Protein backbone atom coordinates (compact mmCIF):
# COMPACT_ATOMS: atom_id res chain seq x y z
CA MET A 1 148.93 63.51 110.40
CA THR A 2 148.43 59.74 110.72
CA THR A 3 148.49 57.31 107.80
CA THR A 4 147.01 53.84 107.56
CA SER A 5 148.83 51.08 105.72
CA ILE A 6 148.06 47.48 104.86
CA PRO A 7 150.50 44.75 103.79
CA ILE A 8 150.18 43.43 100.24
CA GLN A 9 151.41 39.85 100.39
CA ASN A 10 150.72 36.55 98.69
CA VAL A 11 148.85 38.07 95.77
CA THR A 12 148.78 36.81 92.22
CA PRO A 13 149.62 39.66 89.84
CA LYS A 14 146.90 40.28 87.23
CA ALA A 15 149.02 42.72 85.22
CA ASP A 16 152.62 43.87 85.01
CA THR A 17 153.37 44.44 88.70
CA ARG A 18 156.88 43.00 88.57
CA ARG A 19 158.27 46.48 89.25
CA PHE A 20 156.58 46.55 92.66
CA PRO A 21 157.71 44.33 95.54
CA LEU A 22 154.69 42.41 96.84
CA ASP A 23 156.11 41.86 100.32
CA GLN A 24 156.25 45.56 101.24
CA TRP A 25 153.93 48.05 102.94
CA TYR A 26 152.12 50.63 100.80
CA VAL A 27 150.30 53.74 101.96
CA ALA A 28 146.54 53.12 101.93
CA GLY A 29 145.37 56.61 102.85
CA PHE A 30 145.03 59.01 105.74
CA SER A 31 143.49 57.85 109.00
CA SER A 32 140.99 60.69 108.74
CA ASP A 33 139.71 59.18 105.44
CA LEU A 34 138.34 56.19 107.33
CA THR A 35 134.92 56.89 108.78
CA ASP A 36 131.82 54.73 109.26
CA LYS A 37 131.56 54.26 105.45
CA PRO A 38 133.87 51.66 103.85
CA ILE A 39 136.07 52.94 101.03
CA ALA A 40 137.42 51.06 98.02
CA ARG A 41 141.07 51.22 96.97
CA THR A 42 143.14 49.31 94.43
CA PHE A 43 146.71 48.29 95.28
CA LEU A 44 148.83 46.52 92.67
CA ASN A 45 145.65 45.60 90.77
CA GLN A 46 144.09 44.08 93.90
CA LYS A 47 140.72 45.52 95.01
CA VAL A 48 140.66 46.26 98.74
CA VAL A 49 138.03 47.74 101.07
CA LEU A 50 139.21 49.86 104.01
CA PHE A 51 136.93 50.43 106.99
CA ARG A 52 136.77 51.37 110.64
CA THR A 53 134.89 49.22 113.18
CA GLY A 54 132.46 50.60 115.77
CA GLU A 55 135.34 50.54 118.26
CA GLY A 56 137.54 52.61 115.93
CA GLN A 57 139.84 49.79 114.77
CA VAL A 58 141.01 49.95 111.16
CA GLY A 59 140.42 46.97 108.89
CA ALA A 60 141.22 45.96 105.32
CA LEU A 61 139.76 43.08 103.31
CA GLU A 62 139.51 41.94 99.74
CA ASP A 63 136.70 44.07 98.26
CA ARG A 64 134.49 41.08 97.45
CA TRP A 65 131.53 39.66 99.30
CA CYS A 66 132.44 35.96 99.23
CA HIS A 67 128.86 34.65 98.93
CA ARG A 68 127.78 36.89 96.08
CA SER A 69 130.97 38.34 94.55
CA LEU A 70 129.70 41.88 95.12
CA PRO A 71 131.97 44.69 96.41
CA LEU A 72 132.02 45.05 100.19
CA SER A 73 132.76 48.76 99.74
CA CYS A 74 129.12 49.27 98.66
CA ARG A 75 127.85 48.11 102.04
CA THR A 76 128.03 49.38 105.64
CA VAL A 77 130.01 48.24 108.68
CA VAL A 78 127.80 46.56 111.28
CA GLY A 79 129.22 45.18 114.54
CA THR A 80 132.66 43.66 114.93
CA GLY A 81 132.06 39.99 114.19
CA GLY A 82 133.46 39.07 117.57
């Protein structure tokens, strides 16, 4: 069983997260959870979208479309941006 993790660093706590180190790795989910549909997760009160590219690479971003402030997790993955 494979797990996928993302680093949570340089975040500004929005609630009482002092009990959790912000410079550590946290389990994001199982690799099998990541398909062609992005999924939303919240880590230490930070909204994150997890996704897999067309080439199978795993990615994680802030779950916010920067131009419209809508969740990226409601969209689809198209191309690789490269």
